Amino acid sequence: MSADSLSARLVEIESMLDRSKRRFEEGQRLVEEAHAALAEAQQALMGSPVQLSAEDSDEAASRLLDNLKANGGELPETLCGGRLSVDAVQRLIRIDGHPIGITEMEYRVLELLAFARNNVVTRSMLLKHLYRRSDDQPQPKIIDVFISKLRKKLRSAAGGAEFIETIPQRGWILRDIEAPVAG
């Protein structure tokens, strides 16, 4: 190998190493950001007032839910406070202590809304949660059907109270509604 070709090859290898180092550093930065987003999501999902941006909320809630399920995580006994109770262990929904009947898909929608309560859940998050494989996913409008049916059942059981709020162009939020104070 001539000195010129050897020199050119060394420059090429050095360039490849520099690109690899930048990619590695970018990957480390992304991992650190993901950990920070996950920590924020965990805080938000456990009732902290910290709010996530739309971008962070979408991925963080999906990752957190997947992580909790994959690890057989320490799920709270109920996912909501106030009038609505979502028991993730028994897969029961109660309003004011009374069980209500919903379908499996409605339960799964409510489950994700409850995990992310008081934070926006997007259509894509719900599709990912309901249909694990992208080739299984139906039309995105099916989420509107599930939300509509779920709202009617919750409203009927709660005497007209609204638990699910639509955030235009973003998604839905499950709001905690406090039980009325006796007295």
N, C-alpha and C. Protein backbone atom coordinates (compact mmCIF):
# COMPACT_ATOMS: atom_id res chain seq x y z
N MET A 1 0.86 -1.17 0.00
CA MET A 1 0.00 0.00 0.00
C MET A 1 0.91 1.23 0.00
N SER A 2 0.64 2.16 -0.88
CA SER A 2 1.49 3.36 -0.98
C SER A 2 1.23 4.29 0.20
N ALA A 3 2.16 5.20 0.42
CA ALA A 3 2.05 6.15 1.52
C ALA A 3 0.83 7.03 1.36
N ASP A 4 0.53 7.45 0.11
CA ASP A 4 -0.64 8.30 -0.15
C ASP A 4 -1.94 7.55 0.13
N SER A 5 -2.03 6.30 -0.33
CA SER A 5 -3.27 5.55 -0.09
C SER A 5 -3.41 5.20 1.39
N LEU A 6 -2.27 4.92 2.05
CA LEU A 6 -2.31 4.64 3.48
C LEU A 6 -2.76 5.88 4.27
N SER A 7 -2.26 7.03 3.87
CA SER A 7 -2.64 8.28 4.51
C SER A 7 -4.13 8.58 4.30
N ALA A 8 -4.60 8.36 3.08
CA ALA A 8 -6.02 8.58 2.77
C ALA A 8 -6.89 7.62 3.57
N ARG A 9 -6.45 6.37 3.70
CA ARG A 9 -7.20 5.37 4.46
C ARG A 9 -7.26 5.75 5.95
N LEU A 10 -6.16 6.26 6.50
CA LEU A 10 -6.14 6.70 7.90
C LEU A 10 -7.10 7.87 8.13
N VAL A 11 -7.14 8.81 7.18
CA VAL A 11 -8.06 9.94 7.28
C VAL A 11 -9.50 9.43 7.25
N GLU A 12 -9.77 8.47 6.38
CA GLU A 12 -11.11 7.88 6.26
C GLU A 12 -11.50 7.17 7.57
N ILE A 13 -10.58 6.41 8.13
CA ILE A 13 -10.85 5.70 9.39
C ILE A 13 -11.07 6.69 10.52
N GLU A 14 -10.24 7.75 10.57
CA GLU A 14 -10.40 8.77 11.59
C GLU A 14 -11.77 9.44 11.47
N SER A 15 -12.20 9.70 10.25
CA SER A 15 -13.51 10.30 10.01
C SER A 15 -14.62 9.37 10.48
N MET A 16 -14.47 8.07 10.20
CA MET A 16 -15.46 7.09 10.64
C MET A 16 -15.53 7.05 12.16
N LEU A 17 -14.38 7.10 12.82
CA LEU A 17 -14.35 7.09 14.28
C LEU A 17 -15.00 8.35 14.85
N ASP A 18 -14.76 9.50 14.24
CA ASP A 18 -15.39 10.74 14.70
C ASP A 18 -16.91 10.66 14.57
N ARG A 19 -17.40 10.14 13.43
CA ARG A 19 -18.85 9.99 13.24
C ARG A 19 -19.44 9.02 14.27
N SER A 20 -18.72 7.93 14.49
CA SER A 20 -19.19 6.94 15.47
C SER A 20 -19.24 7.54 16.86
N LYS A 21 -18.23 8.33 17.23
CA LYS A 21 -18.20 8.97 18.54
C LYS A 21 -19.38 9.93 18.69
N ARG A 22 -19.67 10.73 17.65
CA ARG A 22 -20.80 11.66 17.71
C ARG A 22 -22.12 10.90 17.85
N ARG A 23 -22.26 9.81 17.10
CA ARG A 23 -23.49 9.00 17.21
C ARG A 23 -23.63 8.41 18.60
N PHE A 24 -22.52 7.91 19.16
CA PHE A 24 -22.54 7.35 20.49
C PHE A 24 -22.95 8.41 21.51
N GLU A 25 -22.36 9.60 21.43
CA GLU A 25 -22.70 10.68 22.35
C GLU A 25 -24.16 11.09 22.18
N GLU A 26 -24.63 11.14 20.94
CA GLU A 26 -26.04 11.46 20.68
C GLU A 26 -26.94 10.39 21.30
N GLY A 27 -26.55 9.13 21.15
CA GLY A 27 -27.31 8.03 21.75
C GLY A 27 -27.36 8.14 23.27
N GLN A 28 -26.22 8.47 23.88
CA GLN A 28 -26.19 8.64 25.34
C GLN A 28 -27.12 9.78 25.76
N ARG A 29 -27.09 10.88 25.00
CA ARG A 29 -27.94 12.02 25.31
C ARG A 29 -29.41 11.61 25.21
N LEU A 30 -29.76 10.85 24.16
CA LEU A 30 -31.14 10.39 23.99
C LEU A 30 -31.58 9.48 25.13
N VAL A 31 -30.69 8.60 25.56
CA VAL A 31 -31.01 7.71 26.67
C VAL A 31 -31.24 8.52 27.95
N GLU A 32 -30.39 9.53 28.20
CA GLU A 32 -30.57 10.38 29.38
C GLU A 32 -31.89 11.14 29.31
N GLU A 33 -32.22 11.66 28.13
CA GLU A 33 -33.49 12.36 27.96
C GLU A 33 -34.67 11.41 28.19
N ALA A 34 -34.55 10.19 27.69
CA ALA A 34 -35.62 9.20 27.87
C ALA A 34 -35.81 8.88 29.35
N HIS A 35 -34.70 8.73 30.07
CA HIS A 35 -34.80 8.47 31.51
C HIS A 35 -35.46 9.65 32.23
N ALA A 36 -35.10 10.86 31.83
CA ALA A 36 -35.71 12.05 32.45
C ALA A 36 -37.20 12.10 32.14
N ALA A 37 -37.56 11.81 30.88
CA ALA A 37 -38.98 11.83 30.49
C ALA A 37 -39.75 10.75 31.25
N LEU A 38 -39.14 9.60 31.41
CA LEU A 38 -39.78 8.51 32.15
C LEU A 38 -39.99 8.90 33.61
N ALA A 39 -38.99 9.53 34.21
CA ALA A 39 -39.12 9.97 35.60
C ALA A 39 -40.24 10.99 35.73
N GLU A 40 -40.31 11.93 34.78
CA GLU A 40 -41.38 12.93 34.81
C GLU A 40 -42.74 12.25 34.65
N ALA A 41 -42.81 11.28 33.73
CA ALA A 41 -44.08 10.58 33.51
C ALA A 41 -44.50 9.81 34.75
N GLN A 42 -43.55 9.16 35.40
CA GLN A 42 -43.87 8.43 36.61
C GLN A 42 -44.38 9.38 37.68
N GLN A 43 -43.76 10.55 37.80
CA GLN A 43 -44.23 11.55 38.76
C GLN A 43 -45.65 11.97 38.41
N ALA A 44 -45.87 12.27 37.14
CA ALA A 44 -47.19 12.74 36.70
C ALA A 44 -48.25 11.66 36.90
N LEU A 45 -47.89 10.42 36.61
CA LEU A 45 -48.87 9.34 36.69
C LEU A 45 -49.18 8.94 38.12
N MET A 46 -48.33 9.29 39.04
CA MET A 46 -48.59 8.98 40.44
C MET A 46 -49.26 10.14 41.16
N GLY A 47 -49.77 11.10 40.37
CA GLY A 47 -50.55 12.17 40.95
C GLY A 47 -49.82 13.47 41.17
N SER A 48 -48.57 13.57 40.77
CA SER A 48 -47.83 14.81 40.92
C SER A 48 -48.37 15.85 39.95
N PRO A 49 -48.29 17.13 40.29
CA PRO A 49 -48.80 18.15 39.40
C PRO A 49 -47.93 18.40 38.17
N VAL A 50 -46.77 17.74 38.05
CA VAL A 50 -45.91 17.95 36.89
C VAL A 50 -46.67 17.58 35.62
N GLN A 51 -46.64 18.47 34.63
CA GLN A 51 -47.32 18.21 33.36
C GLN A 51 -46.28 17.95 32.28
N LEU A 52 -46.57 17.04 31.36
CA LEU A 52 -45.67 16.71 30.26
C LEU A 52 -46.11 17.44 29.00
N SER A 53 -45.14 17.71 28.13
CA SER A 53 -45.50 18.27 26.83
C SER A 53 -46.19 17.17 26.03
N ALA A 54 -46.83 17.55 24.93
CA ALA A 54 -47.54 16.57 24.10
C ALA A 54 -46.58 15.50 23.59
N GLU A 55 -45.39 15.91 23.19
CA GLU A 55 -44.41 14.96 22.65
C GLU A 55 -43.95 13.99 23.73
N ASP A 56 -43.61 14.52 24.90
CA ASP A 56 -43.14 13.66 25.99
C ASP A 56 -44.25 12.75 26.50
N SER A 57 -45.45 13.29 26.61
CA SER A 57 -46.57 12.54 27.14
C SER A 57 -46.84 11.30 26.31
N ASP A 58 -46.82 11.44 24.99
CA ASP A 58 -47.14 10.35 24.08
C ASP A 58 -46.21 9.16 24.30
N GLU A 59 -44.92 9.39 24.23
CA GLU A 59 -43.96 8.31 24.36
C GLU A 59 -43.78 7.85 25.80
N ALA A 60 -43.70 8.78 26.72
CA ALA A 60 -43.42 8.42 28.11
C ALA A 60 -44.52 7.55 28.70
N ALA A 61 -45.77 7.90 28.45
CA ALA A 61 -46.86 7.10 29.00
C ALA A 61 -46.88 5.71 28.39
N SER A 62 -46.63 5.61 27.09
CA SER A 62 -46.58 4.30 26.45
C SER A 62 -45.44 3.46 27.02
N ARG A 63 -44.27 4.08 27.16
CA ARG A 63 -43.12 3.34 27.70
C ARG A 63 -43.36 2.92 29.15
N LEU A 64 -43.92 3.83 29.93
CA LEU A 64 -44.17 3.52 31.33
C LEU A 64 -45.16 2.37 31.47
N LEU A 65 -46.24 2.41 30.72
CA LEU A 65 -47.23 1.34 30.79
C LEU A 65 -46.62 0.01 30.36
N ASP A 66 -45.87 0.01 29.25
CA ASP A 66 -45.22 -1.21 28.78
C ASP A 66 -44.23 -1.72 29.82
N ASN A 67 -43.47 -0.81 30.43
CA ASN A 67 -42.48 -1.19 31.43
C ASN A 67 -43.14 -1.78 32.67
N LEU A 68 -44.21 -1.15 33.14
CA LEU A 68 -44.92 -1.67 34.32
C LEU A 68 -45.44 -3.07 34.05
N LYS A 69 -46.02 -3.28 32.86
CA LYS A 69 -46.58 -4.59 32.54
C LYS A 69 -45.49 -5.63 32.34
N ALA A 70 -44.40 -5.26 31.66
CA ALA A 70 -43.31 -6.19 31.39
C ALA A 70 -42.65 -6.66 32.67
N ASN A 71 -42.52 -5.78 33.63
CA ASN A 71 -41.86 -6.13 34.88
C ASN A 71 -42.81 -6.70 35.92
N GLY A 72 -44.09 -6.83 35.55
CA GLY A 72 -45.07 -7.23 36.55
C GLY A 72 -45.05 -6.21 37.67
N GLY A 73 -44.88 -4.96 37.28
CA GLY A 73 -44.59 -3.84 38.17
C GLY A 73 -45.53 -3.72 39.34
N GLU A 74 -45.11 -2.89 40.24
CA GLU A 74 -45.89 -2.58 41.43
C GLU A 74 -47.02 -1.64 41.03
N LEU A 75 -48.12 -2.21 40.59
CA LEU A 75 -49.25 -1.38 40.20
C LEU A 75 -49.98 -0.91 41.45
N PRO A 76 -50.39 0.35 41.45
CA PRO A 76 -51.19 0.79 42.59
C PRO A 76 -52.49 -0.01 42.63
N GLU A 77 -53.05 -0.14 43.81
CA GLU A 77 -54.28 -0.92 43.95
C GLU A 77 -55.39 -0.38 43.05
N THR A 78 -55.53 0.94 43.02
CA THR A 78 -56.46 1.55 42.09
C THR A 78 -55.73 2.66 41.36
N LEU A 79 -56.14 2.89 40.12
CA LEU A 79 -55.46 3.86 39.29
C LEU A 79 -56.07 5.25 39.37
N CYS A 80 -57.19 5.40 40.02
CA CYS A 80 -57.83 6.72 40.13
C CYS A 80 -58.28 6.93 41.56
N GLY A 81 -58.43 8.19 41.89
CA GLY A 81 -58.98 8.54 43.18
C GLY A 81 -60.34 9.17 42.94
N GLY A 82 -60.94 9.67 43.97
CA GLY A 82 -62.23 10.33 43.81
C GLY A 82 -63.34 9.32 43.56
N ARG A 83 -64.26 9.70 42.71
CA ARG A 83 -65.44 8.87 42.47
C ARG A 83 -65.15 7.64 41.62
N LEU A 84 -64.18 7.74 40.72
CA LEU A 84 -63.88 6.65 39.79
C LEU A 84 -62.71 5.83 40.31
N SER A 85 -62.88 4.52 40.31
CA SER A 85 -61.84 3.60 40.75
C SER A 85 -61.59 2.59 39.63
N VAL A 86 -60.34 2.48 39.20
CA VAL A 86 -59.96 1.49 38.20
C VAL A 86 -59.01 0.52 38.88
N ASP A 87 -59.50 -0.67 39.15
CA ASP A 87 -58.71 -1.70 39.82
C ASP A 87 -58.00 -2.52 38.75
N ALA A 88 -56.69 -2.27 38.59
CA ALA A 88 -55.92 -2.93 37.54
C ALA A 88 -55.68 -4.41 37.82
N VAL A 89 -55.73 -4.81 39.07
CA VAL A 89 -55.51 -6.21 39.42
C VAL A 89 -56.75 -7.04 39.11
N GLN A 90 -57.90 -6.59 39.60
CA GLN A 90 -59.15 -7.31 39.36
C GLN A 90 -59.81 -6.90 38.05
N ARG A 91 -59.29 -5.86 37.41
CA ARG A 91 -59.83 -5.32 36.15
C ARG A 91 -61.30 -4.93 36.32
N LEU A 92 -61.57 -4.21 37.42
CA LEU A 92 -62.91 -3.74 37.71
C LEU A 92 -62.94 -2.22 37.70
N ILE A 93 -64.07 -1.68 37.26
CA ILE A 93 -64.31 -0.24 37.27
C ILE A 93 -65.44 0.00 38.27
N ARG A 94 -65.22 0.96 39.15
CA ARG A 94 -66.27 1.32 40.10
C ARG A 94 -66.45 2.83 40.10
N ILE A 95 -67.70 3.24 40.25
CA ILE A 95 -68.01 4.64 40.47
C ILE A 95 -68.77 4.71 41.77
N ASP A 96 -68.26 5.53 42.67
CA ASP A 96 -68.82 5.65 44.01
C ASP A 96 -68.94 4.29 44.69
N GLY A 97 -67.97 3.40 44.42
CA GLY A 97 -67.94 2.08 45.03
C GLY A 97 -68.77 1.02 44.34
N HIS A 98 -69.56 1.41 43.34
CA HIS A 98 -70.43 0.45 42.63
C HIS A 98 -69.78 0.03 41.31
N PRO A 99 -69.67 -1.30 41.09
CA PRO A 99 -69.05 -1.75 39.84
C PRO A 99 -69.92 -1.40 38.63
N ILE A 100 -69.26 -1.10 37.51
CA ILE A 100 -69.98 -0.85 36.26
C ILE A 100 -69.45 -1.81 35.21
N GLY A 101 -70.33 -2.19 34.30
CA GLY A 101 -69.96 -3.14 33.25
C GLY A 101 -69.49 -2.42 32.00
N ILE A 102 -68.28 -2.78 31.57
CA ILE A 102 -67.76 -2.26 30.31
C ILE A 102 -67.07 -3.41 29.57
N THR A 103 -66.88 -3.24 28.26
CA THR A 103 -66.23 -4.27 27.46
C THR A 103 -64.73 -4.29 27.73
N GLU A 104 -64.06 -5.32 27.25
CA GLU A 104 -62.61 -5.44 27.42
C GLU A 104 -61.88 -4.27 26.76
N MET A 105 -62.28 -3.90 25.54
CA MET A 105 -61.62 -2.79 24.85
C MET A 105 -61.88 -1.46 25.58
N GLU A 106 -63.08 -1.26 26.07
CA GLU A 106 -63.38 -0.05 26.84
C GLU A 106 -62.52 -0.03 28.11
N TYR A 107 -62.37 -1.20 28.75
CA TYR A 107 -61.52 -1.26 29.93
C TYR A 107 -60.09 -0.85 29.59
N ARG A 108 -59.57 -1.36 28.49
CA ARG A 108 -58.18 -1.07 28.11
C ARG A 108 -57.99 0.41 27.78
N VAL A 109 -59.02 1.04 27.18
CA VAL A 109 -58.96 2.49 26.93
C VAL A 109 -58.91 3.22 28.27
N LEU A 110 -59.82 2.85 29.16
CA LEU A 110 -59.88 3.50 30.47
C LEU A 110 -58.61 3.25 31.28
N GLU A 111 -58.05 2.07 31.14
CA GLU A 111 -56.81 1.73 31.84
C GLU A 111 -55.69 2.70 31.47
N LEU A 112 -55.50 2.95 30.18
CA LEU A 112 -54.45 3.87 29.77
C LEU A 112 -54.76 5.30 30.21
N LEU A 113 -56.01 5.70 30.07
CA LEU A 113 -56.41 7.04 30.53
C LEU A 113 -56.14 7.17 32.04
N ALA A 114 -56.41 6.09 32.79
CA ALA A 114 -56.20 6.13 34.24
C ALA A 114 -54.71 6.18 34.59
N PHE A 115 -53.88 5.42 33.86
CA PHE A 115 -52.45 5.48 34.10
C PHE A 115 -51.92 6.89 33.90
N ALA A 116 -52.46 7.57 32.91
CA ALA A 116 -51.97 8.91 32.56
C ALA A 116 -52.91 10.01 33.06
N ARG A 117 -53.73 9.70 34.07
CA ARG A 117 -54.78 10.64 34.49
C ARG A 117 -54.24 12.06 34.66
N ASN A 118 -55.12 12.99 34.28
CA ASN A 118 -54.81 14.41 34.31
C ASN A 118 -53.71 14.81 33.31
N ASN A 119 -53.38 13.91 32.37
CA ASN A 119 -52.47 14.18 31.26
C ASN A 119 -53.13 13.72 29.97
N VAL A 120 -52.77 14.36 28.87
CA VAL A 120 -53.37 14.03 27.58
C VAL A 120 -52.90 12.66 27.11
N VAL A 121 -53.86 11.86 26.63
CA VAL A 121 -53.58 10.58 25.98
C VAL A 121 -54.01 10.75 24.52
N THR A 122 -53.10 10.50 23.61
CA THR A 122 -53.38 10.72 22.19
C THR A 122 -54.00 9.48 21.55
N ARG A 123 -54.54 9.69 20.37
CA ARG A 123 -55.12 8.59 19.59
C ARG A 123 -54.05 7.53 19.30
N SER A 124 -52.84 7.98 18.94
CA SER A 124 -51.79 7.01 18.62
C SER A 124 -51.39 6.19 19.85
N MET A 125 -51.39 6.81 21.03
CA MET A 125 -51.10 6.06 22.26
C MET A 125 -52.14 4.98 22.48
N LEU A 126 -53.41 5.35 22.30
CA LEU A 126 -54.48 4.37 22.51
C LEU A 126 -54.40 3.25 21.48
N LEU A 127 -54.10 3.59 20.23
CA LEU A 127 -53.97 2.56 19.20
C LEU A 127 -52.83 1.60 19.54
N LYS A 128 -51.69 2.16 19.98
CA LYS A 128 -50.56 1.31 20.37
C LYS A 128 -50.92 0.42 21.55
N HIS A 129 -51.69 0.97 22.49
CA HIS A 129 -52.06 0.21 23.69
C HIS A 129 -53.06 -0.90 23.36
N LEU A 130 -54.00 -0.61 22.48
CA LEU A 130 -55.05 -1.58 22.16
C LEU A 130 -54.61 -2.62 21.14
N TYR A 131 -53.79 -2.20 20.20
CA TYR A 131 -53.39 -3.08 19.11
C TYR A 131 -51.88 -3.09 19.05
N ARG A 132 -51.29 -4.11 19.62
CA ARG A 132 -49.83 -4.18 19.78
C ARG A 132 -49.08 -4.12 18.45
N ARG A 133 -49.59 -4.81 17.45
CA ARG A 133 -48.91 -4.85 16.16
C ARG A 133 -49.55 -3.83 15.22
N SER A 134 -48.71 -3.08 14.52
CA SER A 134 -49.22 -2.02 13.64
C SER A 134 -50.07 -2.59 12.51
N ASP A 135 -49.82 -3.83 12.09
CA ASP A 135 -50.63 -4.41 11.01
C ASP A 135 -52.01 -4.86 11.50
N ASP A 136 -52.22 -4.89 12.82
CA ASP A 136 -53.53 -5.24 13.39
C ASP A 136 -54.43 -4.03 13.58
N GLN A 137 -53.87 -2.84 13.45
CA GLN A 137 -54.62 -1.63 13.81
C GLN A 137 -55.75 -1.34 12.81
N PRO A 138 -56.94 -1.11 13.36
CA PRO A 138 -58.08 -0.73 12.52
C PRO A 138 -58.00 0.76 12.20
N GLN A 139 -59.06 1.30 11.66
CA GLN A 139 -59.12 2.73 11.39
C GLN A 139 -59.00 3.50 12.71
N PRO A 140 -58.23 4.60 12.72
CA PRO A 140 -58.04 5.37 13.97
C PRO A 140 -59.35 5.88 14.57
N LYS A 141 -60.40 6.04 13.78
CA LYS A 141 -61.67 6.56 14.29
C LYS A 141 -62.33 5.59 15.28
N ILE A 142 -61.87 4.32 15.33
CA ILE A 142 -62.45 3.36 16.28
C ILE A 142 -62.25 3.86 17.71
N ILE A 143 -61.19 4.62 17.93
CA ILE A 143 -60.94 5.17 19.28
C ILE A 143 -62.09 6.08 19.68
N ASP A 144 -62.61 6.88 18.73
CA ASP A 144 -63.75 7.76 19.02
C ASP A 144 -64.96 6.95 19.48
N VAL A 145 -65.15 5.79 18.86
CA VAL A 145 -66.28 4.93 19.22
C VAL A 145 -66.11 4.43 20.66
N PHE A 146 -64.91 3.93 20.98
CA PHE A 146 -64.66 3.45 22.34
C PHE A 146 -64.84 4.56 23.37
N ILE A 147 -64.29 5.73 23.08
CA ILE A 147 -64.40 6.87 24.01
C ILE A 147 -65.87 7.25 24.21
N SER A 148 -66.62 7.31 23.12
CA SER A 148 -68.03 7.69 23.19
C SER A 148 -68.83 6.71 24.05
N LYS A 149 -68.64 5.42 23.81
CA LYS A 149 -69.37 4.41 24.59
C LYS A 149 -68.95 4.44 26.06
N LEU A 150 -67.67 4.60 26.29
CA LEU A 150 -67.16 4.66 27.66
C LEU A 150 -67.72 5.88 28.39
N ARG A 151 -67.74 7.02 27.71
CA ARG A 151 -68.30 8.24 28.32
C ARG A 151 -69.75 8.03 28.74
N LYS A 152 -70.53 7.43 27.84
CA LYS A 152 -71.96 7.21 28.14
C LYS A 152 -72.12 6.34 29.37
N LYS A 153 -71.35 5.27 29.45
CA LYS A 153 -71.46 4.35 30.59
C LYS A 153 -71.02 5.03 31.89
N LEU A 154 -69.93 5.77 31.84
CA LEU A 154 -69.46 6.46 33.04
C LEU A 154 -70.45 7.55 33.46
N ARG A 155 -70.94 8.31 32.50
CA ARG A 155 -71.90 9.39 32.78
C ARG A 155 -73.17 8.82 33.40
N SER A 156 -73.66 7.71 32.84
CA SER A 156 -74.88 7.09 33.34
C SER A 156 -74.70 6.60 34.78
N ALA A 157 -73.57 5.97 35.05
CA ALA A 157 -73.32 5.43 36.38
C ALA A 157 -73.01 6.53 37.41
N ALA A 158 -72.56 7.70 36.93
CA ALA A 158 -72.16 8.77 37.85
C ALA A 158 -73.17 9.90 37.90
N GLY A 159 -74.38 9.65 37.42
CA GLY A 159 -75.41 10.68 37.49
C GLY A 159 -75.09 11.92 36.67
N GLY A 160 -74.46 11.73 35.52
CA GLY A 160 -74.19 12.85 34.63
C GLY A 160 -72.80 13.44 34.72
N ALA A 161 -71.98 13.00 35.64
CA ALA A 161 -70.61 13.55 35.78
C ALA A 161 -69.76 13.14 34.58
N GLU A 162 -68.94 14.05 34.13
CA GLU A 162 -68.04 13.79 33.00
C GLU A 162 -66.63 13.53 33.52
N PHE A 163 -66.08 12.39 33.20
CA PHE A 163 -64.74 12.03 33.63
C PHE A 163 -63.72 12.24 32.51
N ILE A 164 -64.14 12.04 31.26
CA ILE A 164 -63.23 12.11 30.12
C ILE A 164 -63.43 13.43 29.39
N GLU A 165 -62.36 14.20 29.31
CA GLU A 165 -62.40 15.49 28.63
C GLU A 165 -61.66 15.38 27.30
N THR A 166 -62.26 15.91 26.23
CA THR A 166 -61.60 15.95 24.94
C THR A 166 -60.75 17.21 24.85
N ILE A 167 -59.51 17.05 24.44
CA ILE A 167 -58.61 18.17 24.19
C ILE A 167 -58.47 18.25 22.67
N PRO A 168 -59.12 19.24 22.04
CA PRO A 168 -59.14 19.30 20.57
C PRO A 168 -57.74 19.22 19.95
N GLN A 169 -57.65 18.44 18.90
CA GLN A 169 -56.42 18.23 18.13
C GLN A 169 -55.32 17.52 18.90
N ARG A 170 -55.59 17.04 20.12
CA ARG A 170 -54.54 16.37 20.91
C ARG A 170 -54.96 15.01 21.41
N GLY A 171 -56.12 14.92 22.07
CA GLY A 171 -56.53 13.63 22.63
C GLY A 171 -57.52 13.79 23.74
N TRP A 172 -57.36 12.97 24.80
CA TRP A 172 -58.32 12.94 25.90
C TRP A 172 -57.59 12.94 27.23
N ILE A 173 -58.28 13.43 28.24
CA ILE A 173 -57.75 13.43 29.61
C ILE A 173 -58.82 12.83 30.51
N LEU A 174 -58.40 11.93 31.39
CA LEU A 174 -59.29 11.42 32.43
C LEU A 174 -59.07 12.29 33.65
N ARG A 175 -60.13 12.95 34.09
CA ARG A 175 -60.06 13.84 35.24
C ARG A 175 -60.55 13.12 36.49
N ASP A 176 -59.86 13.36 37.58
CA ASP A 176 -60.33 12.87 38.87
C ASP A 176 -61.49 13.76 39.30
N ILE A 177 -62.58 13.15 39.68
CA ILE A 177 -63.72 13.90 40.20
C ILE A 177 -63.91 13.45 41.63
N GLU A 178 -63.85 14.39 42.52
CA GLU A 178 -63.97 14.06 43.95
C GLU A 178 -65.39 13.65 44.30
N ALA A 179 -65.48 12.74 45.23
CA ALA A 179 -66.78 12.30 45.73
C ALA A 179 -67.42 13.48 46.48
N PRO A 180 -68.73 13.62 46.36
CA PRO A 180 -69.38 14.70 47.09
C PRO A 180 -69.20 14.54 48.60
N VAL A 181 -69.01 15.65 49.27
CA VAL A 181 -68.81 15.62 50.73
C VAL A 181 -70.17 15.48 51.40
N ALA A 182 -70.29 14.47 52.27
CA ALA A 182 -71.55 14.26 52.98
C ALA A 182 -71.69 15.30 54.08
N GLY A 183 -72.90 15.82 54.20
CA GLY A 183 -73.03 16.75 55.30
C GLY A 183 -74.13 17.65 55.07
